[in-house]
Amino acid sequence: MRILILGASGVAGSAIYEELHAHHTVYGTYFSSQTCLMGREHMLPLDISQDGRLNEVLQIAAPEIIVSCLQGDFSAQLQAHEDAARYLSSKENGRLFYLSSANVFDGDDGRVHYEDDIPTAESEYGRFKIACEGMLAGILGERATILRLPFIWSRRPGSRLDKLFDAVQKGTSIPAWSNLYTNHTTDRQIAAYVHFLLDQGKGGIFHVGSREACEYIPFLENLLRKVFPTQNIPFIIEENTKTSYLAVLSKRQDIPDHLLTGNEEILSYLTG
């Protein structure tokens, strides 16, 4: 099967490339990072603001499957995703996997959210993600697979974890929010989900993350204390007067146990 990963140089995109390339013909795109080229085949430069460039990439890769981990300007992303969806709509088995965000619910932060909840966003980012989800579903229907993600963690250079450790070592302030409950995922969980959903031909909406929500600041403290047990942690805490949530949990019964994880398992993976 021919697969194109848009944004294969990023944290999630890199993990998905590594997960799939041994089983399929996988192409990936990058914007500026050259480190992703080492040891990889079929890596193509892509600037989505450049007219016609995505169509050139599509002609080279000729994908049946597109996995989008794109970042960047929202207007350019929306157009790129529409172009990708219309390209796939003409293919009988064309499918698109879209990495969305828990922020599609940031306008309703009084509870955790599940796959059948109606998104409502306050942030520009959340509203963009909702627009992209709706556009892809409108063009591809069940051939669009939406993966909504909470905080993404990885042990890769340049990841959230890497930046967090660097901040502690330099004594740089770390922003944190009191009374915020979240759940979490990892690059390898996302990649395993994509592989499973691809093999099973599943479409629709999936919430990919830990089984339970937890308070954000204690999660960070537990993570950092495992690595820096005696060092001062320079938190700058924004006090919330009410409890709020940015957590996407799942009600689905069709996901095997080996794809599921908990927050403690994520902490062990990150500090192991």
C-alpha atoms as a PDB file:
ATOM      1  CA  MET A   1       0.000   0.000   0.000  1.00  0.00           C
ATOM      2  CA  ARG A   2       1.268   3.488  -0.816  1.00  0.00           C
ATOM      3  CA  ILE A   3       1.062   5.928   2.092  1.00  0.00           C
ATOM      4  CA  LEU A   4       1.904   9.623   2.315  1.00  0.00           C
ATOM      5  CA  ILE A   5       2.577  11.182   5.724  1.00  0.00           C
ATOM      6  CA  LEU A   6       2.189  14.955   5.661  1.00  0.00           C
ATOM      7  CA  GLY A   7       4.466  16.360   8.350  1.00  0.00           C
ATOM      8  CA  ALA A   8       6.647  13.269   8.741  1.00  0.00           C
ATOM      9  CA  SER A   9       9.467  15.282  10.323  1.00  0.00           C
ATOM     10  CA  GLY A  10       7.463  16.098  13.456  1.00  0.00           C
ATOM     11  CA  VAL A  11       7.149  14.073  16.656  1.00  0.00           C
ATOM     12  CA  ALA A  12       3.979  12.149  15.760  1.00  0.00           C
ATOM     13  CA  GLY A  13       4.764  11.999  12.045  1.00  0.00           C
ATOM     14  CA  SER A  14       8.200  10.498  12.684  1.00  0.00           C
ATOM     15  CA  ALA A  15       6.734   7.781  14.890  1.00  0.00           C
ATOM     16  CA  ILE A  16       4.050   6.939  12.318  1.00  0.00           C
ATOM     17  CA  TYR A  17       6.660   6.757   9.534  1.00  0.00           C
ATOM     18  CA  GLU A  18       8.775   4.327  11.600  1.00  0.00           C
ATOM     19  CA  GLU A  19       5.718   2.238  12.470  1.00  0.00           C
ATOM     20  CA  LEU A  20       4.513   1.838   8.879  1.00  0.00           C
ATOM     21  CA  HIS A  21       7.547   1.897   6.608  1.00  0.00           C
ATOM     22  CA  ALA A  22       8.480  -1.771   7.144  1.00  0.00           C
ATOM     23  CA  HIS A  23       5.011  -2.853   5.998  1.00  0.00           C
ATOM     24  CA  HIS A  24       4.146  -0.376   3.229  1.00  0.00           C
ATOM     25  CA  THR A  25       5.663   2.010   0.701  1.00  0.00           C
ATOM     26  CA  VAL A  26       5.748   5.167   2.780  1.00  0.00           C
ATOM     27  CA  TYR A  27       6.459   8.704   1.593  1.00  0.00           C
ATOM     28  CA  GLY A  28       6.842  11.597   3.989  1.00  0.00           C
ATOM     29  CA  THR A  29       7.037  15.360   3.767  1.00  0.00           C
ATOM     30  CA  TYR A  30       9.108  17.876   5.685  1.00  0.00           C
ATOM     31  CA  PHE A  31       9.149  21.654   5.754  1.00  0.00           C
ATOM     32  CA  SER A  32      12.539  22.699   7.138  1.00  0.00           C
ATOM     33  CA  SER A  33      13.988  19.934   9.321  1.00  0.00           C
ATOM     34  CA  GLN A  34      16.756  18.004   7.549  1.00  0.00           C
ATOM     35  CA  THR A  35      17.401  15.551  10.406  1.00  0.00           C
ATOM     36  CA  CYS A  36      14.401  13.474   9.299  1.00  0.00           C
ATOM     37  CA  LEU A  37      16.193  12.557   6.069  1.00  0.00           C
ATOM     38  CA  MET A  38      18.797  10.329   7.725  1.00  0.00           C
ATOM     39  CA  GLY A  39      18.085   6.678   7.034  1.00  0.00           C
ATOM     40  CA  ARG A  40      14.707   7.400   5.403  1.00  0.00           C
ATOM     41  CA  GLU A  41      13.527   6.892   1.870  1.00  0.00           C
ATOM     42  CA  HIS A  42      10.971   8.915  -0.062  1.00  0.00           C
ATOM     43  CA  MET A  43      11.164  12.158   1.934  1.00  0.00           C
ATOM     44  CA  LEU A  44       9.852  15.162  -0.002  1.00  0.00           C
ATOM     45  CA  PRO A  45      10.013  18.892   0.819  1.00  0.00           C
ATOM     46  CA  LEU A  46       6.624  20.563   1.184  1.00  0.00           C
ATOM     47  CA  ASP A  47       5.674  24.172   1.806  1.00  0.00           C
ATOM     48  CA  ILE A  48       1.867  24.198   1.866  1.00  0.00           C
ATOM     49  CA  SER A  49       1.808  27.932   1.170  1.00  0.00           C
ATOM     50  CA  GLN A  50       3.467  27.293  -2.199  1.00  0.00           C
ATOM     51  CA  ASP A  51       0.792  26.995  -4.899  1.00  0.00           C
ATOM     52  CA  GLY A  52       0.783  23.635  -6.652  1.00  0.00           C
ATOM     53  CA  ARG A  53       3.474  22.026  -4.521  1.00  0.00           C
ATOM     54  CA  LEU A  54       1.109  19.618  -2.728  1.00  0.00           C
ATOM     55  CA  ASN A  55      -0.237  18.445  -6.076  1.00  0.00           C
ATOM     56  CA  GLU A  56       3.339  17.747  -7.189  1.00  0.00           C
ATOM     57  CA  VAL A  57       3.915  15.683  -4.031  1.00  0.00           C
ATOM     58  CA  LEU A  58       0.665  13.769  -4.613  1.00  0.00           C
ATOM     59  CA  GLN A  59       1.702  12.953  -8.169  1.00  0.00           C
ATOM     60  CA  ILE A  60       5.095  11.652  -7.009  1.00  0.00           C
ATOM     61  CA  ALA A  61       3.807   9.622  -4.056  1.00  0.00           C
ATOM     62  CA  ALA A  62       0.519   8.485  -5.661  1.00  0.00           C
ATOM     63  CA  PRO A  63      -0.859   7.549  -2.237  1.00  0.00           C
ATOM     64  CA  GLU A  64      -3.903   5.446  -1.449  1.00  0.00           C
ATOM     65  CA  ILE A  65      -3.635   6.603   2.185  1.00  0.00           C
ATOM     66  CA  ILE A  66      -2.715  10.032   3.533  1.00  0.00           C
ATOM     67  CA  VAL A  67      -1.854  10.614   7.187  1.00  0.00           C
ATOM     68  CA  SER A  68      -1.872  14.299   8.102  1.00  0.00           C
ATOM     69  CA  CYS A  69       0.313  15.624  10.903  1.00  0.00           C
ATOM     70  CA  LEU A  70       0.563  19.055   9.281  1.00  0.00           C
ATOM     71  CA  GLN A  71       1.290  22.216  11.232  1.00  0.00           C
ATOM     72  CA  GLY A  72       1.488  25.839  10.174  1.00  0.00           C
ATOM     73  CA  ASP A  73      -0.789  28.568   8.887  1.00  0.00           C
ATOM     74  CA  PHE A  74      -4.434  27.598   9.411  1.00  0.00           C
ATOM     75  CA  SER A  75      -5.717  28.886   6.065  1.00  0.00           C
ATOM     76  CA  ALA A  76      -2.964  27.090   4.158  1.00  0.00           C
ATOM     77  CA  GLN A  77      -3.601  23.903   6.151  1.00  0.00           C
ATOM     78  CA  LEU A  78      -7.325  24.008   5.452  1.00  0.00           C
ATOM     79  CA  GLN A  79      -6.720  24.342   1.724  1.00  0.00           C
ATOM     80  CA  ALA A  80      -4.089  21.592   1.761  1.00  0.00           C
ATOM     81  CA  HIS A  81      -6.439  19.220   3.546  1.00  0.00           C
ATOM     82  CA  GLU A  82      -9.250  19.988   1.116  1.00  0.00           C
ATOM     83  CA  ASP A  83      -6.902  19.302  -1.826  1.00  0.00           C
ATOM     84  CA  ALA A  84      -5.744  16.039  -0.232  1.00  0.00           C
ATOM     85  CA  ALA A  85      -9.321  14.925   0.490  1.00  0.00           C
ATOM     86  CA  ARG A  86     -10.501  15.663  -3.034  1.00  0.00           C
ATOM     87  CA  TYR A  87      -7.523  13.758  -4.430  1.00  0.00           C
ATOM     88  CA  LEU A  88      -8.450  10.719  -2.318  1.00  0.00           C
ATOM     89  CA  SER A  89     -12.177  10.992  -3.031  1.00  0.00           C
ATOM     90  CA  SER A  90     -11.533   9.888  -6.623  1.00  0.00           C
ATOM     91  CA  LYS A  91      -9.772   6.728  -5.428  1.00  0.00           C
ATOM     92  CA  GLU A  92     -11.992   3.795  -4.535  1.00  0.00           C
ATOM     93  CA  ASN A  93      -9.997   2.897  -1.421  1.00  0.00           C
ATOM     94  CA  GLY A  94      -8.585   6.333  -0.676  1.00  0.00           C
ATOM     95  CA  ARG A  95      -8.521   7.186   3.037  1.00  0.00           C
ATOM     96  CA  LEU A  96      -7.219  10.039   5.158  1.00  0.00           C
ATOM     97  CA  PHE A  97      -6.099   9.952   8.782  1.00  0.00           C
ATOM     98  CA  TYR A  98      -6.229  13.372  10.446  1.00  0.00           C
ATOM     99  CA  LEU A  99      -4.522  14.198  13.728  1.00  0.00           C
ATOM    100  CA  SER A 100      -6.896  16.549  15.509  1.00  0.00           C
ATOM    101  CA  SER A 101      -6.852  17.886  19.061  1.00  0.00           C
ATOM    102  CA  ALA A 102      -8.620  17.948  22.416  1.00  0.00           C
ATOM    103  CA  ASN A 103      -8.915  21.691  21.787  1.00  0.00           C
ATOM    104  CA  VAL A 104     -12.026  21.088  19.694  1.00  0.00           C
ATOM    105  CA  PHE A 105     -13.722  21.029  23.135  1.00  0.00           C
ATOM    106  CA  ASP A 106     -11.955  23.997  24.752  1.00  0.00           C
ATOM    107  CA  GLY A 107     -15.184  26.017  24.675  1.00  0.00           C
ATOM    108  CA  ASP A 108     -16.801  23.498  27.045  1.00  0.00           C
ATOM    109  CA  ASP A 109     -14.103  22.881  29.652  1.00  0.00           C
ATOM    110  CA  GLY A 110     -16.302  21.833  32.564  1.00  0.00           C
ATOM    111  CA  ARG A 111     -16.009  18.095  31.852  1.00  0.00           C
ATOM    112  CA  VAL A 112     -14.094  15.408  29.987  1.00  0.00           C
ATOM    113  CA  HIS A 113     -15.266  14.638  26.452  1.00  0.00           C
ATOM    114  CA  TYR A 114     -15.993  11.495  24.436  1.00  0.00           C
ATOM    115  CA  GLU A 115     -16.210  10.698  20.737  1.00  0.00           C
ATOM    116  CA  ASP A 116     -19.960  11.365  20.441  1.00  0.00           C
ATOM    117  CA  ASP A 117     -19.825  14.809  22.096  1.00  0.00           C
ATOM    118  CA  ILE A 118     -20.408  17.817  19.831  1.00  0.00           C
ATOM    119  CA  PRO A 119     -17.243  19.958  19.579  1.00  0.00           C
ATOM    120  CA  THR A 120     -17.370  23.563  20.721  1.00  0.00           C
ATOM    121  CA  ALA A 121     -14.201  25.635  20.751  1.00  0.00           C
ATOM    122  CA  GLU A 122     -13.258  29.032  22.104  1.00  0.00           C
ATOM    123  CA  SER A 123      -9.676  29.193  20.803  1.00  0.00           C
ATOM    124  CA  GLU A 124      -8.752  29.941  17.198  1.00  0.00           C
ATOM    125  CA  TYR A 125      -6.812  26.672  17.140  1.00  0.00           C
ATOM    126  CA  GLY A 126      -9.799  24.667  18.353  1.00  0.00           C
ATOM    127  CA  ARG A 127     -12.132  26.316  15.849  1.00  0.00           C
ATOM    128  CA  PHE A 128      -9.677  25.548  13.041  1.00  0.00           C
ATOM    129  CA  LYS A 129      -9.521  21.889  14.041  1.00  0.00           C
ATOM    130  CA  ILE A 130     -13.334  21.671  14.067  1.00  0.00           C
ATOM    131  CA  ALA A 131     -13.496  23.221  10.599  1.00  0.00           C
ATOM    132  CA  CYS A 132     -10.928  20.777   9.269  1.00  0.00           C
ATOM    133  CA  GLU A 133     -12.671  17.758  10.800  1.00  0.00           C
ATOM    134  CA  GLY A 134     -16.003  18.808   9.305  1.00  0.00           C
ATOM    135  CA  MET A 135     -14.567  19.493   5.863  1.00  0.00           C
ATOM    136  CA  LEU A 136     -12.788  16.125   5.695  1.00  0.00           C
ATOM    137  CA  ALA A 137     -15.875  14.214   6.860  1.00  0.00           C
ATOM    138  CA  GLY A 138     -17.983  16.110   4.335  1.00  0.00           C
ATOM    139  CA  ILE A 139     -15.767  15.075   1.428  1.00  0.00           C
ATOM    140  CA  LEU A 140     -14.704  11.571   2.497  1.00  0.00           C
ATOM    141  CA  GLY A 141     -17.374  10.429   4.958  1.00  0.00           C
ATOM    142  CA  GLU A 142     -16.244   7.309   6.834  1.00  0.00           C
ATOM    143  CA  ARG A 143     -13.069   7.284   4.757  1.00  0.00           C
ATOM    144  CA  ALA A 144     -11.874  10.151   6.963  1.00  0.00           C
ATOM    145  CA  THR A 145     -10.465   8.880  10.259  1.00  0.00           C
ATOM    146  CA  ILE A 146     -10.205  11.560  12.948  1.00  0.00           C
ATOM    147  CA  LEU A 147      -7.785  11.003  15.835  1.00  0.00           C
ATOM    148  CA  ARG A 148      -8.320  13.559  18.607  1.00  0.00           C
ATOM    149  CA  LEU A 149      -5.234  13.917  20.784  1.00  0.00           C
ATOM    150  CA  PRO A 150      -4.538  15.383  24.241  1.00  0.00           C
ATOM    151  CA  PHE A 151      -1.004  16.398  25.317  1.00  0.00           C
ATOM    152  CA  ILE A 152       1.510  14.469  23.196  1.00  0.00           C
ATOM    153  CA  TRP A 153       4.693  13.178  24.856  1.00  0.00           C
ATOM    154  CA  SER A 154       7.778  11.639  23.294  1.00  0.00           C
ATOM    155  CA  ARG A 155      11.397  10.879  24.113  1.00  0.00           C
ATOM    156  CA  ARG A 156      12.523  12.320  20.763  1.00  0.00           C
ATOM    157  CA  PRO A 157      14.800  15.360  20.474  1.00  0.00           C
ATOM    158  CA  GLY A 158      12.775  18.551  20.184  1.00  0.00           C
ATOM    159  CA  SER A 159       9.712  17.043  21.859  1.00  0.00           C
ATOM    160  CA  ARG A 160       7.695  18.524  24.740  1.00  0.00           C
ATOM    161  CA  LEU A 161       9.705  16.339  27.156  1.00  0.00           C
ATOM    162  CA  ASP A 162      13.029  17.495  25.723  1.00  0.00           C
ATOM    163  CA  LYS A 163      12.031  21.146  26.072  1.00  0.00           C
ATOM    164  CA  LEU A 164      10.758  20.559  29.614  1.00  0.00           C
ATOM    165  CA  PHE A 165      14.022  18.939  30.734  1.00  0.00           C
ATOM    166  CA  ASP A 166      15.991  21.750  29.098  1.00  0.00           C
ATOM    167  CA  ALA A 167      13.942  24.338  30.994  1.00  0.00           C
ATOM    168  CA  VAL A 168      14.641  22.634  34.352  1.00  0.00           C
ATOM    169  CA  GLN A 169      18.361  22.415  33.650  1.00  0.00           C
ATOM    170  CA  LYS A 170      18.514  26.098  32.682  1.00  0.00           C
ATOM    171  CA  GLY A 171      16.200  27.252  35.465  1.00  0.00           C
ATOM    172  CA  THR A 172      13.751  28.654  32.913  1.00  0.00           C
ATOM    173  CA  SER A 173      10.192  29.138  34.126  1.00  0.00           C
ATOM    174  CA  ILE A 174       7.670  26.429  33.226  1.00  0.00           C
ATOM    175  CA  PRO A 175       4.057  27.575  32.775  1.00  0.00           C
ATOM    176  CA  ALA A 176       1.439  25.463  34.540  1.00  0.00           C
ATOM    177  CA  TRP A 177      -2.231  25.779  35.407  1.00  0.00           C
ATOM    178  CA  SER A 178      -3.888  24.884  38.690  1.00  0.00           C
ATOM    179  CA  ASN A 179      -7.194  22.967  38.787  1.00  0.00           C
ATOM    180  CA  LEU A 180      -6.649  21.749  35.219  1.00  0.00           C
ATOM    181  CA  TYR A 181      -7.351  18.081  34.506  1.00  0.00           C
ATOM    182  CA  THR A 182      -5.912  16.510  31.363  1.00  0.00           C
ATOM    183  CA  ASN A 183      -5.097  13.192  29.819  1.00  0.00           C
ATOM    184  CA  HIS A 184      -2.013  12.343  27.808  1.00  0.00           C
ATOM    185  CA  THR A 185      -0.726  10.300  24.885  1.00  0.00           C
ATOM    186  CA  THR A 186       2.631   9.357  23.384  1.00  0.00           C
ATOM    187  CA  ASP A 187       4.034   9.311  19.885  1.00  0.00           C
ATOM    188  CA  ARG A 188       4.208   5.534  19.955  1.00  0.00           C
ATOM    189  CA  GLN A 189       0.554   5.159  21.047  1.00  0.00           C
ATOM    190  CA  ILE A 190      -0.537   7.400  18.178  1.00  0.00           C
ATOM    191  CA  ALA A 191       1.549   5.401  15.689  1.00  0.00           C
ATOM    192  CA  ALA A 192       0.178   2.089  16.970  1.00  0.00           C
ATOM    193  CA  TYR A 193      -3.398   3.410  16.667  1.00  0.00           C
ATOM    194  CA  VAL A 194      -2.837   4.509  13.073  1.00  0.00           C
ATOM    195  CA  HIS A 195      -1.367   1.097  12.208  1.00  0.00           C
ATOM    196  CA  PHE A 196      -4.289  -0.747  13.796  1.00  0.00           C
ATOM    197  CA  LEU A 197      -6.990   1.462  12.255  1.00  0.00           C
ATOM    198  CA  LEU A 198      -5.315   1.204   8.862  1.00  0.00           C
ATOM    199  CA  ASP A 199      -5.174  -2.585   9.017  1.00  0.00           C
ATOM    200  CA  GLN A 200      -8.773  -2.825  10.229  1.00  0.00           C
ATOM    201  CA  GLY A 201     -10.146  -0.312   7.708  1.00  0.00           C
ATOM    202  CA  LYS A 202     -11.775   1.715  10.472  1.00  0.00           C
ATOM    203  CA  GLY A 203     -13.109   5.232   9.939  1.00  0.00           C
ATOM    204  CA  GLY A 204     -14.836   7.768  12.137  1.00  0.00           C
ATOM    205  CA  ILE A 205     -13.681   9.506  15.333  1.00  0.00           C
ATOM    206  CA  PHE A 206     -11.211   8.088  17.851  1.00  0.00           C
ATOM    207  CA  HIS A 207      -9.939   9.637  21.084  1.00  0.00           C
ATOM    208  CA  VAL A 208      -6.338   8.519  21.541  1.00  0.00           C
ATOM    209  CA  GLY A 209      -4.896   8.926  25.023  1.00  0.00           C
ATOM    210  CA  SER A 210      -4.693   7.666  28.573  1.00  0.00           C
ATOM    211  CA  ARG A 211      -7.785   6.022  30.039  1.00  0.00           C
ATOM    212  CA  GLU A 212      -8.215   8.594  32.804  1.00  0.00           C
ATOM    213  CA  ALA A 213      -7.840  12.310  33.376  1.00  0.00           C
ATOM    214  CA  CYS A 214      -5.423  13.561  36.011  1.00  0.00           C
ATOM    215  CA  GLU A 215      -4.457  16.922  37.476  1.00  0.00           C
ATOM    216  CA  TYR A 216      -1.905  18.595  35.235  1.00  0.00           C
ATOM    217  CA  ILE A 217       0.554  20.013  37.796  1.00  0.00           C
ATOM    218  CA  PRO A 218       0.969  16.767  39.819  1.00  0.00           C
ATOM    219  CA  PHE A 219       1.552  14.912  36.527  1.00  0.00           C
ATOM    220  CA  LEU A 220       4.391  17.304  35.661  1.00  0.00           C
ATOM    221  CA  GLU A 221       5.779  17.138  39.190  1.00  0.00           C
ATOM    222  CA  ASN A 222       5.798  13.331  39.155  1.00  0.00           C
ATOM    223  CA  LEU A 223       7.497  13.349  35.770  1.00  0.00           C
ATOM    224  CA  LEU A 224      10.198  15.831  36.721  1.00  0.00           C
ATOM    225  CA  ARG A 225      10.873  14.417  40.196  1.00  0.00           C
ATOM    226  CA  LYS A 226      11.720  11.057  38.653  1.00  0.00           C
ATOM    227  CA  VAL A 227      14.491  12.716  36.634  1.00  0.00           C
ATOM    228  CA  PHE A 228      15.479  15.667  38.839  1.00  0.00           C
ATOM    229  CA  PRO A 229      14.787  14.424  42.399  1.00  0.00           C
ATOM    230  CA  THR A 230      16.672  17.243  44.189  1.00  0.00           C
ATOM    231  CA  GLN A 231      16.407  20.120  41.747  1.00  0.00           C
ATOM    232  CA  ASN A 232      14.112  23.107  42.119  1.00  0.00           C
ATOM    233  CA  ILE A 233      11.278  23.022  39.588  1.00  0.00           C
ATOM    234  CA  PRO A 234      10.645  26.581  38.334  1.00  0.00           C
ATOM    235  CA  PHE A 235       6.868  26.467  37.865  1.00  0.00           C
ATOM    236  CA  ILE A 236       5.009  29.663  37.075  1.00  0.00           C
ATOM    237  CA  ILE A 237       1.472  28.720  38.070  1.00  0.00           C
ATOM    238  CA  GLU A 238      -1.594  30.408  36.645  1.00  0.00           C
ATOM    239  CA  GLU A 239      -4.307  30.009  39.245  1.00  0.00           C
ATOM    240  CA  ASN A 240      -7.694  28.815  37.995  1.00  0.00           C
ATOM    241  CA  THR A 241     -10.602  29.562  40.306  1.00  0.00           C
ATOM    242  CA  LYS A 242     -12.647  26.688  38.881  1.00  0.00           C
ATOM    243  CA  THR A 243     -11.840  23.139  37.882  1.00  0.00           C
ATOM    244  CA  SER A 244     -11.402  22.795  34.121  1.00  0.00           C
ATOM    245  CA  TYR A 245     -10.706  19.911  31.755  1.00  0.00           C
ATOM    246  CA  LEU A 246      -8.822  19.393  28.513  1.00  0.00           C
ATOM    247  CA  ALA A 247      -9.230  15.641  28.268  1.00  0.00           C
ATOM    248  CA  VAL A 248     -10.525  13.371  25.517  1.00  0.00           C
ATOM    249  CA  LEU A 249     -11.520   9.939  26.818  1.00  0.00           C
ATOM    250  CA  SER A 250     -12.929   7.069  24.805  1.00  0.00           C
ATOM    251  CA  LYS A 251     -16.161   5.106  24.965  1.00  0.00           C
ATOM    252  CA  ARG A 252     -15.233   2.860  22.059  1.00  0.00           C
ATOM    253  CA  GLN A 253     -15.357  -0.898  22.605  1.00  0.00           C
ATOM    254  CA  ASP A 254     -13.495  -1.827  19.408  1.00  0.00           C
ATOM    255  CA  ILE A 255      -9.949  -0.937  20.524  1.00  0.00           C
ATOM    256  CA  PRO A 256      -7.746  -3.814  21.744  1.00  0.00           C
ATOM    257  CA  ASP A 257      -6.154  -3.615  25.187  1.00  0.00           C
ATOM    258  CA  HIS A 258      -2.593  -3.412  23.861  1.00  0.00           C
ATOM    259  CA  LEU A 259      -3.336   0.019  22.402  1.00  0.00           C
ATOM    260  CA  LEU A 260      -4.654   1.429  25.681  1.00  0.00           C
ATOM    261  CA  THR A 261      -2.511   3.059  28.353  1.00  0.00           C
ATOM    262  CA  GLY A 262      -2.681   4.913  31.648  1.00  0.00           C
ATOM    263  CA  ASN A 263      -0.944   8.028  32.921  1.00  0.00           C
ATOM    264  CA  GLU A 264       1.394   6.011  35.160  1.00  0.00           C
ATOM    265  CA  GLU A 265       2.443   3.886  32.182  1.00  0.00           C
ATOM    266  CA  ILE A 266       3.180   7.053  30.225  1.00  0.00           C
ATOM    267  CA  LEU A 267       5.309   8.390  33.091  1.00  0.00           C
ATOM    268  CA  SER A 268       7.241   5.103  33.209  1.00  0.00           C
ATOM    269  CA  TYR A 269       7.856   5.214  29.463  1.00  0.00           C
ATOM    270  CA  LEU A 270       9.085   8.807  29.550  1.00  0.00           C
ATOM    271  CA  THR A 271      11.455   8.297  32.473  1.00  0.00           C
ATOM    272  CA  GLY A 272      12.528   4.699  31.834  1.00  0.00           C
END
